[in-house]
C-alpha atoms as a PDB file:
ATOM      1  CA  MET A   1     -18.603  72.714 126.401  1.00  0.00           C
ATOM      2  CA  LYS A   2     -17.181  75.098 123.821  1.00  0.00           C
ATOM      3  CA  ASN A   3     -17.388  78.004 126.281  1.00  0.00           C
ATOM      4  CA  LYS A   4     -15.629  75.936 128.918  1.00  0.00           C
ATOM      5  CA  LYS A   5     -12.832  75.060 126.467  1.00  0.00           C
ATOM      6  CA  LEU A   6     -12.489  78.711 125.433  1.00  0.00           C
ATOM      7  CA  SER A   7     -12.505  79.874 129.021  1.00  0.00           C
ATOM      8  CA  THR A   8      -9.825  77.285 129.928  1.00  0.00           C
ATOM      9  CA  THR A   9      -7.668  78.358 126.959  1.00  0.00           C
ATOM     10  CA  ILE A  10      -8.001  82.031 127.908  1.00  0.00           C
ATOM     11  CA  THR A  11      -7.151  81.263 131.543  1.00  0.00           C
ATOM     12  CA  ILE A  12      -4.102  79.205 130.542  1.00  0.00           C
ATOM     13  CA  THR A  13      -2.954  81.920 128.095  1.00  0.00           C
ATOM     14  CA  ILE A  14      -3.366  84.677 130.694  1.00  0.00           C
ATOM     15  CA  SER A  15      -1.550  82.522 133.276  1.00  0.00           C
ATOM     16  CA  ILE A  16       1.364  81.896 130.862  1.00  0.00           C
ATOM     17  CA  VAL A  17       1.597  85.597 129.932  1.00  0.00           C
ATOM     18  CA  ALA A  18       1.452  86.572 133.637  1.00  0.00           C
ATOM     19  CA  ALA A  19       4.103  83.967 134.518  1.00  0.00           C
ATOM     20  CA  VAL A  20       6.391  85.212 131.692  1.00  0.00           C
ATOM     21  CA  CYS A  21       5.881  88.830 132.822  1.00  0.00           C
ATOM     22  CA  ILE A  22       6.570  87.938 136.467  1.00  0.00           C
ATOM     23  CA  LEU A  23       9.687  85.965 135.456  1.00  0.00           C
ATOM     24  CA  GLY A  24      10.882  88.886 133.315  1.00  0.00           C
ATOM     25  CA  LEU A  25      10.235  91.338 136.152  1.00  0.00           C
ATOM     26  CA  PHE A  26      12.075  89.043 138.597  1.00  0.00           C
ATOM     27  CA  LEU A  27      15.105  88.695 136.294  1.00  0.00           C
ATOM     28  CA  PHE A  28      15.215  92.458 135.694  1.00  0.00           C
ATOM     29  CA  ALA A  29      14.874  93.289 139.422  1.00  0.00           C
ATOM     30  CA  ASN A  30      17.373  90.607 140.398  1.00  0.00           C
ATOM     31  CA  GLY A  31      19.915  91.871 137.847  1.00  0.00           C
ATOM     32  CA  SER A  32      19.423  95.477 138.973  1.00  0.00           C
ATOM     33  CA  MET A  33      19.704  94.566 142.659  1.00  0.00           C
ATOM     34  CA  THR A  34      22.798  92.450 142.051  1.00  0.00           C
ATOM     35  CA  SER A  35      24.397  95.285 140.105  1.00  0.00           C
ATOM     36  CA  VAL A  36      23.577  97.836 142.829  1.00  0.00           C
ATOM     37  CA  MET A  37      24.801  95.515 145.597  1.00  0.00           C
ATOM     38  CA  LYS A  38      28.017  94.784 143.683  1.00  0.00           C
ATOM     39  CA  LYS A  39      28.646  98.507 143.143  1.00  0.00           C
ATOM     40  CA  ASN A  40      27.965  99.291 146.820  1.00  0.00           C
ATOM     41  CA  SER A  41      30.214  96.458 147.908  1.00  0.00           C
ATOM     42  CA  MET A  42      33.037  97.656 145.630  1.00  0.00           C
ATOM     43  CA  ASP A  43      32.591 101.250 146.850  1.00  0.00           C
ATOM     44  CA  ASN A  44      32.720 100.088 150.482  1.00  0.00           C
ATOM     45  CA  MET A  45      35.863  98.030 149.864  1.00  0.00           C
ATOM     46  CA  LYS A  46      37.519 100.946 148.048  1.00  0.00           C
ATOM     47  CA  THR A  47      36.656 103.327 150.898  1.00  0.00           C
ATOM     48  CA  SER A  48      37.963 100.841 153.453  1.00  0.00           C
ATOM     49  CA  LEU A  49      41.171 100.312 151.471  1.00  0.00           C
ATOM     50  CA  GLU A  50      41.744 104.069 151.102  1.00  0.00           C
ATOM     51  CA  SER A  51      41.131 104.536 154.819  1.00  0.00           C
ATOM     52  CA  ARG A  52      43.603 101.771 155.706  1.00  0.00           C
ATOM     53  CA  GLN A  53      46.148 103.184 153.261  1.00  0.00           C
ATOM     54  CA  LYS A  54      45.833 106.606 154.933  1.00  0.00           C
ATOM     55  CA  VAL A  55      46.352 105.043 158.378  1.00  0.00           C
ATOM     56  CA  ILE A  56      49.517 103.297 157.134  1.00  0.00           C
ATOM     57  CA  GLU A  57      50.829 106.470 155.459  1.00  0.00           C
ATOM     58  CA  ASP A  58      50.212 108.511 158.620  1.00  0.00           C
ATOM     59  CA  TYR A  59      51.875 105.832 160.757  1.00  0.00           C
ATOM     60  CA  VAL A  60      54.974 105.701 158.552  1.00  0.00           C
ATOM     61  CA  ASN A  61      55.199 109.503 158.195  1.00  0.00           C
ATOM     62  CA  ASN A  62      54.905 109.955 161.963  1.00  0.00           C
ATOM     63  CA  ALA A  63      57.606 107.349 162.639  1.00  0.00           C
ATOM     64  CA  GLU A  64      59.897 108.913 160.019  1.00  0.00           C
ATOM     65  CA  ASP A  65      59.383 112.375 161.523  1.00  0.00           C
ATOM     66  CA  GLN A  66      60.250 111.064 164.997  1.00  0.00           C
ATOM     67  CA  LEU A  67      63.487 109.507 163.713  1.00  0.00           C
ATOM     68  CA  VAL A  68      64.464 112.638 161.760  1.00  0.00           C
ATOM     69  CA  SER A  69      63.759 114.748 164.852  1.00  0.00           C
ATOM     70  CA  TYR A  70      66.030 112.485 166.908  1.00  0.00           C
ATOM     71  CA  SER A  71      68.787 112.791 164.292  1.00  0.00           C
ATOM     72  CA  LYS A  72      68.712 116.577 164.663  1.00  0.00           C
ATOM     73  CA  GLY A  73      69.143 116.523 168.427  1.00  0.00           C
ATOM     74  CA  ILE A  74      72.162 118.648 169.353  1.00  0.00           C
ATOM     75  CA  GLU A  75      73.559 115.842 171.522  1.00  0.00           C
ATOM     76  CA  ILE A  76      73.431 113.389 168.614  1.00  0.00           C
ATOM     77  CA  VAL A  77      75.020 115.784 166.123  1.00  0.00           C
ATOM     78  CA  LYS A  78      77.820 116.635 168.586  1.00  0.00           C
ATOM     79  CA  LEU A  79      78.432 112.937 169.235  1.00  0.00           C
ATOM     80  CA  LEU A  80      78.629 112.049 165.561  1.00  0.00           C
ATOM     81  CA  GLU A  81      81.103 114.904 165.077  1.00  0.00           C
ATOM     82  CA  ASN A  82      83.167 113.650 168.081  1.00  0.00           C
ATOM     83  CA  PRO A  83      82.420 109.910 168.465  1.00  0.00           C
ATOM     84  CA  THR A  84      85.314 109.241 170.859  1.00  0.00           C
ATOM     85  CA  ASP A  85      84.545 112.032 173.367  1.00  0.00           C
ATOM     86  CA  SER A  86      83.253 110.196 176.462  1.00  0.00           C
ATOM     87  CA  GLU A  87      81.572 113.287 177.991  1.00  0.00           C
ATOM     88  CA  ILE A  88      79.599 113.944 174.799  1.00  0.00           C
ATOM     89  CA  GLN A  89      78.786 110.222 174.582  1.00  0.00           C
ATOM     90  CA  LYS A  90      77.310 110.215 178.111  1.00  0.00           C
ATOM     91  CA  LYS A  91      75.081 113.202 177.304  1.00  0.00           C
ATOM     92  CA  ALA A  92      73.999 111.633 174.017  1.00  0.00           C
ATOM     93  CA  GLN A  93      73.274 108.317 175.770  1.00  0.00           C
ATOM     94  CA  LYS A  94      71.028 110.070 178.316  1.00  0.00           C
ATOM     95  CA  TYR A  95      69.328 112.025 175.516  1.00  0.00           C
ATOM     96  CA  THR A  96      68.719 108.759 173.632  1.00  0.00           C
ATOM     97  CA  GLU A  97      67.250 106.991 176.652  1.00  0.00           C
ATOM     98  CA  ASP A  98      65.023 109.981 177.465  1.00  0.00           C
ATOM     99  CA  TYR A  99      63.924 110.313 173.836  1.00  0.00           C
ATOM    100  CA  TYR A 100      63.085 106.609 173.685  1.00  0.00           C
ATOM    101  CA  LYS A 101      60.897 106.885 176.808  1.00  0.00           C
ATOM    102  CA  GLU A 102      58.709 109.400 174.949  1.00  0.00           C
ATOM    103  CA  LEU A 103      58.194 107.051 171.987  1.00  0.00           C
ATOM    104  CA  SER A 104      55.287 104.645 171.912  1.00  0.00           C
ATOM    105  CA  GLY A 105      55.704 101.093 170.625  1.00  0.00           C
ATOM    106  CA  TRP A 106      59.253 101.428 169.338  1.00  0.00           C
ATOM    107  CA  GLU A 107      61.702  98.548 169.400  1.00  0.00           C
ATOM    108  CA  GLY A 108      64.656 100.869 169.747  1.00  0.00           C
ATOM    109  CA  ILE A 109      66.487 103.966 168.612  1.00  0.00           C
ATOM    110  CA  TYR A 110      70.218 104.549 168.280  1.00  0.00           C
ATOM    111  CA  ALA A 111      73.046 106.469 166.615  1.00  0.00           C
ATOM    112  CA  GLY A 112      76.017 104.948 164.888  1.00  0.00           C
ATOM    113  CA  GLU A 113      79.110 105.732 162.902  1.00  0.00           C
ATOM    114  CA  PRO A 114      79.012 105.245 159.106  1.00  0.00           C
ATOM    115  CA  ASN A 115      80.483 101.725 159.563  1.00  0.00           C
ATOM    116  CA  THR A 116      77.365 100.852 161.709  1.00  0.00           C
ATOM    117  CA  HIS A 117      79.328 100.866 164.975  1.00  0.00           C
ATOM    118  CA  VAL A 118      76.616 101.750 167.525  1.00  0.00           C
ATOM    119  CA  ILE A 119      77.730 104.593 169.819  1.00  0.00           C
ATOM    120  CA  VAL A 120      74.447 105.250 171.671  1.00  0.00           C
ATOM    121  CA  HIS A 121      71.327 103.107 172.009  1.00  0.00           C
ATOM    122  CA  ASN A 122      68.233 103.157 174.202  1.00  0.00           C
ATOM    123  CA  ASN A 123      69.538  99.796 175.512  1.00  0.00           C
ATOM    124  CA  PRO A 124      73.086 100.525 176.777  1.00  0.00           C
ATOM    125  CA  LYS A 125      74.063  96.839 176.322  1.00  0.00           C
ATOM    126  CA  ILE A 126      73.931  97.342 172.532  1.00  0.00           C
ATOM    127  CA  VAL A 127      76.477 100.197 172.557  1.00  0.00           C
ATOM    128  CA  GLY A 128      79.716  99.066 170.925  1.00  0.00           C
ATOM    129  CA  MET A 129      78.139  96.566 168.523  1.00  0.00           C
ATOM    130  CA  THR A 130      78.694  96.779 164.794  1.00  0.00           C
ATOM    131  CA  THR A 131      75.450  95.833 163.087  1.00  0.00           C
ATOM    132  CA  ARG A 132      76.615  95.293 159.505  1.00  0.00           C
ATOM    133  CA  LYS A 133      79.745  94.204 157.678  1.00  0.00           C
ATOM    134  CA  GLY A 134      80.773  93.477 154.121  1.00  0.00           C
ATOM    135  CA  GLU A 135      78.147  93.651 151.377  1.00  0.00           C
ATOM    136  CA  ALA A 136      75.287  94.319 153.813  1.00  0.00           C
ATOM    137  CA  LEU A 137      77.166  97.380 155.134  1.00  0.00           C
ATOM    138  CA  LYS A 138      77.827  98.691 151.614  1.00  0.00           C
ATOM    139  CA  GLN A 139      74.160  98.215 150.632  1.00  0.00           C
ATOM    140  CA  LEU A 140      72.972 100.130 153.694  1.00  0.00           C
ATOM    141  CA  GLN A 141      75.483 102.947 153.164  1.00  0.00           C
ATOM    142  CA  ASP A 142      74.505 103.250 149.480  1.00  0.00           C
ATOM    143  CA  ALA A 143      70.786 103.236 150.315  1.00  0.00           C
ATOM    144  CA  MET A 144      71.249 105.957 152.948  1.00  0.00           C
ATOM    145  CA  LYS A 145      73.297 108.103 150.552  1.00  0.00           C
ATOM    146  CA  GLU A 146      70.665 107.742 147.814  1.00  0.00           C
ATOM    147  CA  SER A 147      67.784 108.591 150.130  1.00  0.00           C
ATOM    148  CA  ASP A 148      66.599 112.154 150.265  1.00  0.00           C
ATOM    149  CA  ARG A 149      66.283 112.479 154.043  1.00  0.00           C
ATOM    150  CA  LEU A 150      65.654 108.985 155.326  1.00  0.00           C
ATOM    151  CA  TYR A 151      65.998 105.407 154.168  1.00  0.00           C
ATOM    152  CA  ASN A 152      62.939 103.326 155.019  1.00  0.00           C
ATOM    153  CA  ALA A 153      63.687  99.622 154.570  1.00  0.00           C
ATOM    154  CA  GLY A 154      60.040  98.729 155.212  1.00  0.00           C
ATOM    155  CA  ILE A 155      58.721  96.217 157.681  1.00  0.00           C
ATOM    156  CA  ILE A 156      61.199  93.455 158.485  1.00  0.00           C
ATOM    157  CA  VAL A 157      61.516  90.707 161.067  1.00  0.00           C
ATOM    158  CA  SER A 158      63.864  92.245 163.605  1.00  0.00           C
ATOM    159  CA  PRO A 159      66.929  90.115 164.375  1.00  0.00           C
ATOM    160  CA  ALA A 160      66.838  91.393 167.978  1.00  0.00           C
ATOM    161  CA  SER A 161      63.182  90.870 168.915  1.00  0.00           C
ATOM    162  CA  LYS A 162      62.031  88.486 166.151  1.00  0.00           C
ATOM    163  CA  LYS A 163      58.998  90.762 165.707  1.00  0.00           C
ATOM    164  CA  LEU A 164      57.836  92.776 162.695  1.00  0.00           C
ATOM    165  CA  THR A 165      59.476  96.196 162.849  1.00  0.00           C
ATOM    166  CA  LEU A 166      59.514  99.235 160.581  1.00  0.00           C
ATOM    167  CA  SER A 167      63.246  99.570 159.877  1.00  0.00           C
ATOM    168  CA  MET A 168      64.450 103.129 159.202  1.00  0.00           C
ATOM    169  CA  TYR A 169      67.798 104.874 158.902  1.00  0.00           C
ATOM    170  CA  CYS A 170      68.519 108.578 158.736  1.00  0.00           C
ATOM    171  CA  PRO A 171      71.985 109.725 157.617  1.00  0.00           C
ATOM    172  CA  VAL A 172      73.565 112.692 159.388  1.00  0.00           C
ATOM    173  CA  TYR A 173      75.819 114.945 157.344  1.00  0.00           C
ATOM    174  CA  LYS A 174      78.424 117.583 158.072  1.00  0.00           C
ATOM    175  CA  GLY A 175      78.620 119.432 154.795  1.00  0.00           C
ATOM    176  CA  ASP A 176      78.719 116.742 152.100  1.00  0.00           C
ATOM    177  CA  GLU A 177      80.242 114.091 154.358  1.00  0.00           C
ATOM    178  CA  MET A 178      78.059 111.517 156.101  1.00  0.00           C
ATOM    179  CA  ILE A 179      79.399 111.520 159.673  1.00  0.00           C
ATOM    180  CA  GLY A 180      76.986 108.896 160.931  1.00  0.00           C
ATOM    181  CA  TYR A 181      73.365 107.915 161.060  1.00  0.00           C
ATOM    182  CA  VAL A 182      70.508 107.211 163.403  1.00  0.00           C
ATOM    183  CA  GLY A 183      68.344 104.152 163.158  1.00  0.00           C
ATOM    184  CA  GLY A 184      65.381 102.515 164.753  1.00  0.00           C
ATOM    185  CA  GLY A 185      61.750 101.871 164.293  1.00  0.00           C
ATOM    186  CA  PRO A 186      58.420 101.011 165.819  1.00  0.00           C
ATOM    187  CA  PHE A 187      56.970  97.538 166.025  1.00  0.00           C
ATOM    188  CA  GLY A 188      54.684  96.631 163.114  1.00  0.00           C
ATOM    189  CA  GLU A 189      51.970  95.515 165.533  1.00  0.00           C
ATOM    190  CA  GLN A 190      51.354  99.217 166.238  1.00  0.00           C
ATOM    191  CA  LEU A 191      49.576  99.305 162.874  1.00  0.00           C
ATOM    192  CA  GLN A 192      46.980  96.841 164.121  1.00  0.00           C
ATOM    193  CA  LYS A 193      46.192  99.199 166.988  1.00  0.00           C
ATOM    194  CA  SER A 194      45.708 102.147 164.605  1.00  0.00           C
END
């Protein structure tokens, strides 16, 4: 009977020690696995975020470069120097329409006088409109003058299409005088396709 009691006590003790060891091993492994999974998850999210940020930067830089390139077109510069010359305006209008056809996913592109009077636009029906007046005009003019080469207003809801659009403006200078600007931008949905 004594041997049976001793054997039962030893078995129970070994079982308790084994259970404590297994529990300790489980908690250690679980903590290590959770830590590794959390680190991998954070690394994956960081990589994904950096990748998305790069896509957005490339998208914006490409759009800005396209607008700056348009602003340097000889037809546009000549028009902004001579905004009332109808022959120059016709050539600049054709250049604008042709340039727009080469763009992908843009809402529009246009050139205007410093007072935002549109003198050429990819949609000829818009020519002659004045897009800003009063305080809104002054804010835009100040922002363009402060910008280094281009004023990027960010993604806005376009008043014309009611869609998200990257709104950009590029001032055109003759010497130190701003003789006009070009504006336009691609639809924001282009980012989803990138």
